[in-house]
Amino acid sequence: MHLTDDLLNEYLDNALTQTQRSEIEAHLQECGECSTRVSELRALFNEIESLPEAKLERDLSKAVVAAANRRVTFAPLLWLIFAAQAVAAVVASAVAGWLILPLIQQTVDVNAIITISVEALMMEWTQWANESQIALEQTLQTFTQPLPLEVSMLMITLLVTAVSLLWITGNGLLITSLARRRT
């Protein structure tokens, strides 16, 4: 088994423990190929060290440090990208509808499909609302004390809507706050 270039470099840089150095030196005495590679690496290092030092025409260190210290903000760019995607989606939907709707109307009775779909959706919604109201009433009946006010589906819907709007607004404020902190 031969020694790796990394191990040989560490050996030449004196970056190994004494035990490791002893093991490598023992291997180098037995392996001519690894000894040749060490000699070639030594010659290469000596040649590199003998090269004249190149002077830079321009010092870029200040510009690099300044660029690294600058904070990059993506928030305005992200908002712009999201807005562009929304506009593109609306335009693409409108164009697709404008192109495809006449073809669909020629082959399918769209009004019948929409009417059937709306009726089915209304039936599903009514069934869900009734089941939700029954479940809510059963839950409320488990309390030992009756509630002082009657909870209607409208009140529950308004509460869920209000909580959803508050959640969306809070997320928007959080994103805005994080974007301002980055700038």
Protein backbone atom coordinates (compact mmCIF):
# COMPACT_ATOMS: atom_id res chain seq x y z
CA MET A 1 0.00 0.00 0.00
CA HIS A 2 1.37 3.43 -0.96
CA LEU A 3 1.16 6.68 0.99
CA THR A 4 -1.31 9.35 -0.17
CA ASP A 5 -0.19 12.76 -1.41
CA ASP A 6 -1.98 14.39 1.54
CA LEU A 7 -0.02 12.27 4.00
CA LEU A 8 3.24 13.00 2.19
CA ASN A 9 2.50 16.74 2.22
CA GLU A 10 1.82 16.62 5.95
CA TYR A 11 5.09 14.72 6.40
CA LEU A 12 7.04 17.38 4.47
CA ASP A 13 5.27 20.18 6.39
CA ASN A 14 6.16 18.55 9.73
CA ALA A 15 2.46 18.41 10.61
CA LEU A 16 2.45 14.83 11.94
CA THR A 17 3.01 13.32 15.35
CA GLN A 18 6.34 11.68 16.04
CA THR A 19 4.75 8.22 15.84
CA GLN A 20 3.23 8.98 12.44
CA ARG A 21 6.54 10.39 11.17
CA SER A 22 8.35 7.22 12.30
CA GLU A 23 5.81 5.01 10.49
CA ILE A 24 6.13 7.04 7.28
CA GLU A 25 9.93 7.04 7.42
CA ALA A 26 9.90 3.25 7.87
CA HIS A 27 7.61 2.93 4.85
CA LEU A 28 9.78 5.27 2.77
CA GLN A 29 12.86 3.08 3.47
CA GLU A 30 11.01 0.05 2.09
CA CYS A 31 9.02 1.62 -0.77
CA GLY A 32 10.99 3.10 -3.63
CA GLU A 33 7.92 4.53 -5.35
CA CYS A 34 6.85 6.56 -2.29
CA SER A 35 10.48 7.70 -1.74
CA THR A 36 10.56 8.96 -5.32
CA ARG A 37 7.27 10.84 -4.81
CA VAL A 38 8.64 12.49 -1.63
CA SER A 39 11.78 13.54 -3.52
CA GLU A 40 9.66 14.98 -6.35
CA LEU A 41 7.45 16.87 -3.87
CA ARG A 42 10.53 18.28 -2.08
CA ALA A 43 11.97 19.43 -5.43
CA LEU A 44 8.60 21.02 -6.34
CA PHE A 45 8.36 22.83 -2.99
CA ASN A 46 11.95 24.11 -3.34
CA GLU A 47 11.19 25.36 -6.83
CA ILE A 48 8.05 27.12 -5.64
CA GLU A 49 9.91 28.76 -2.77
CA SER A 50 12.60 30.00 -5.16
CA LEU A 51 10.07 31.84 -7.34
CA PRO A 52 10.08 35.62 -7.01
CA GLU A 53 7.22 37.11 -5.06
CA ALA A 54 4.62 38.66 -7.36
CA LYS A 55 3.46 42.14 -6.47
CA LEU A 56 -0.17 43.06 -6.92
CA GLU A 57 -0.94 46.02 -9.12
CA ARG A 58 -3.95 46.94 -7.05
CA ASP A 59 -4.98 46.14 -3.46
CA LEU A 60 -8.46 44.62 -3.48
CA SER A 61 -8.61 43.71 0.20
CA LYS A 62 -10.59 46.82 1.27
CA ALA A 63 -13.18 46.28 -1.46
CA VAL A 64 -13.54 42.60 -0.57
CA VAL A 65 -13.93 43.34 3.15
CA ALA A 66 -16.47 46.10 2.41
CA ALA A 67 -18.46 43.79 0.14
CA ALA A 68 -18.41 41.03 2.77
CA ASN A 69 -19.62 43.43 5.47
CA ARG A 70 -22.49 44.74 3.38
CA ARG A 71 -25.78 43.17 4.25
CA VAL A 72 -27.70 41.73 1.38
CA THR A 73 -31.45 42.19 1.50
CA PHE A 74 -33.68 40.05 -0.57
CA ALA A 75 -37.03 41.18 0.82
CA PRO A 76 -37.81 43.89 -1.78
CA LEU A 77 -36.64 41.57 -4.51
CA LEU A 78 -38.77 38.73 -3.14
CA TRP A 79 -41.86 40.93 -2.97
CA LEU A 80 -41.22 41.99 -6.55
CA ILE A 81 -40.82 38.37 -7.64
CA PHE A 82 -44.01 37.32 -5.83
CA ALA A 83 -45.95 40.19 -7.37
CA ALA A 84 -44.59 39.36 -10.83
CA GLN A 85 -45.56 35.71 -10.37
CA ALA A 86 -49.07 36.69 -9.29
CA VAL A 87 -49.48 38.99 -12.29
CA ALA A 88 -48.10 36.31 -14.61
CA ALA A 89 -50.51 33.74 -13.16
CA VAL A 90 -53.50 36.05 -13.63
CA VAL A 91 -52.47 36.93 -17.18
CA ALA A 92 -51.77 33.28 -18.04
CA SER A 93 -55.15 32.23 -16.63
CA ALA A 94 -56.95 34.96 -18.54
CA VAL A 95 -55.19 34.07 -21.80
CA ALA A 96 -55.80 30.36 -21.28
CA GLY A 97 -59.46 31.03 -20.53
CA TRP A 98 -59.78 33.31 -23.53
CA LEU A 99 -58.22 30.69 -25.82
CA ILE A 100 -59.76 27.54 -24.37
CA LEU A 101 -63.27 28.68 -23.39
CA PRO A 102 -64.60 28.90 -26.98
CA LEU A 103 -63.32 25.37 -27.67
CA ILE A 104 -64.96 24.04 -24.53
CA GLN A 105 -68.22 25.82 -25.25
CA GLN A 106 -68.36 24.20 -28.69
CA THR A 107 -67.99 20.68 -27.32
CA VAL A 108 -69.45 20.81 -23.82
CA ASP A 109 -72.47 22.49 -22.26
CA VAL A 110 -70.50 24.59 -19.78
CA ASN A 111 -73.61 26.03 -18.14
CA ALA A 112 -74.90 22.55 -17.31
CA ILE A 113 -71.53 21.51 -15.86
CA ILE A 114 -71.27 24.69 -13.79
CA THR A 115 -74.84 24.33 -12.55
CA ILE A 116 -74.30 20.68 -11.59
CA SER A 117 -70.96 21.51 -9.95
CA VAL A 118 -72.42 24.42 -7.99
CA GLU A 119 -75.38 22.34 -6.88
CA ALA A 120 -73.08 19.49 -5.79
CA LEU A 121 -70.82 21.93 -3.98
CA MET A 122 -73.81 23.52 -2.24
CA MET A 123 -75.05 20.09 -1.15
CA GLU A 124 -71.60 19.15 0.16
CA TRP A 125 -71.29 22.47 1.98
CA THR A 126 -74.76 22.16 3.50
CA GLN A 127 -74.04 18.60 4.62
CA TRP A 128 -70.70 19.67 6.13
CA ALA A 129 -72.29 22.66 7.85
CA ASN A 130 -75.07 20.48 9.31
CA GLU A 131 -72.61 17.84 10.50
CA SER A 132 -70.39 20.54 12.01
CA GLN A 133 -73.33 22.11 13.78
CA ILE A 134 -74.42 18.71 15.16
CA ALA A 135 -70.87 17.97 16.34
CA LEU A 136 -70.63 21.42 17.91
CA GLU A 137 -73.97 21.01 19.65
CA GLN A 138 -72.91 17.61 20.99
CA THR A 139 -69.65 19.12 22.23
CA LEU A 140 -71.47 22.01 23.88
CA GLN A 141 -73.90 19.61 25.57
CA THR A 142 -70.99 17.88 27.30
CA PHE A 143 -70.32 20.99 29.36
CA THR A 144 -71.96 20.97 32.78
CA GLN A 145 -73.08 24.57 32.48
CA PRO A 146 -74.94 25.77 29.43
CA LEU A 147 -73.34 28.58 27.52
CA PRO A 148 -74.92 31.98 28.17
CA LEU A 149 -75.19 32.69 24.43
CA GLU A 150 -76.19 30.65 21.45
CA VAL A 151 -73.34 29.85 19.03
CA SER A 152 -74.54 29.87 15.46
CA MET A 153 -72.72 28.74 12.35
CA LEU A 154 -72.49 32.38 11.29
CA MET A 155 -70.65 33.27 14.50
CA ILE A 156 -68.25 30.35 14.08
CA THR A 157 -67.62 31.31 10.44
CA LEU A 158 -66.98 34.93 11.42
CA LEU A 159 -64.61 33.85 14.19
CA VAL A 160 -62.64 31.55 11.88
CA THR A 161 -62.49 34.29 9.24
CA ALA A 162 -61.30 36.88 11.77
CA VAL A 163 -58.62 34.57 13.14
CA SER A 164 -57.46 33.75 9.60
CA LEU A 165 -57.23 37.43 8.67
CA LEU A 166 -55.30 38.21 11.84
CA TRP A 167 -52.92 35.33 11.12
CA ILE A 168 -52.32 36.49 7.54
CA THR A 169 -51.82 40.10 8.68
CA GLY A 170 -49.42 38.99 11.41
CA ASN A 171 -47.36 37.01 8.93
CA GLY A 172 -47.22 40.00 6.61
CA LEU A 173 -46.06 42.25 9.45
CA LEU A 174 -43.48 39.67 10.49
CA ILE A 175 -42.08 39.43 6.97
CA THR A 176 -41.98 43.23 6.70
CA SER A 177 -40.25 43.52 10.08
CA LEU A 178 -37.62 40.93 9.14
CA ALA A 179 -37.01 42.70 5.84
CA ARG A 180 -36.48 46.04 7.61
CA ARG A 181 -34.04 44.48 10.08
CA ARG A 182 -31.91 43.14 7.25
CA THR A 183 -31.53 46.58 5.71
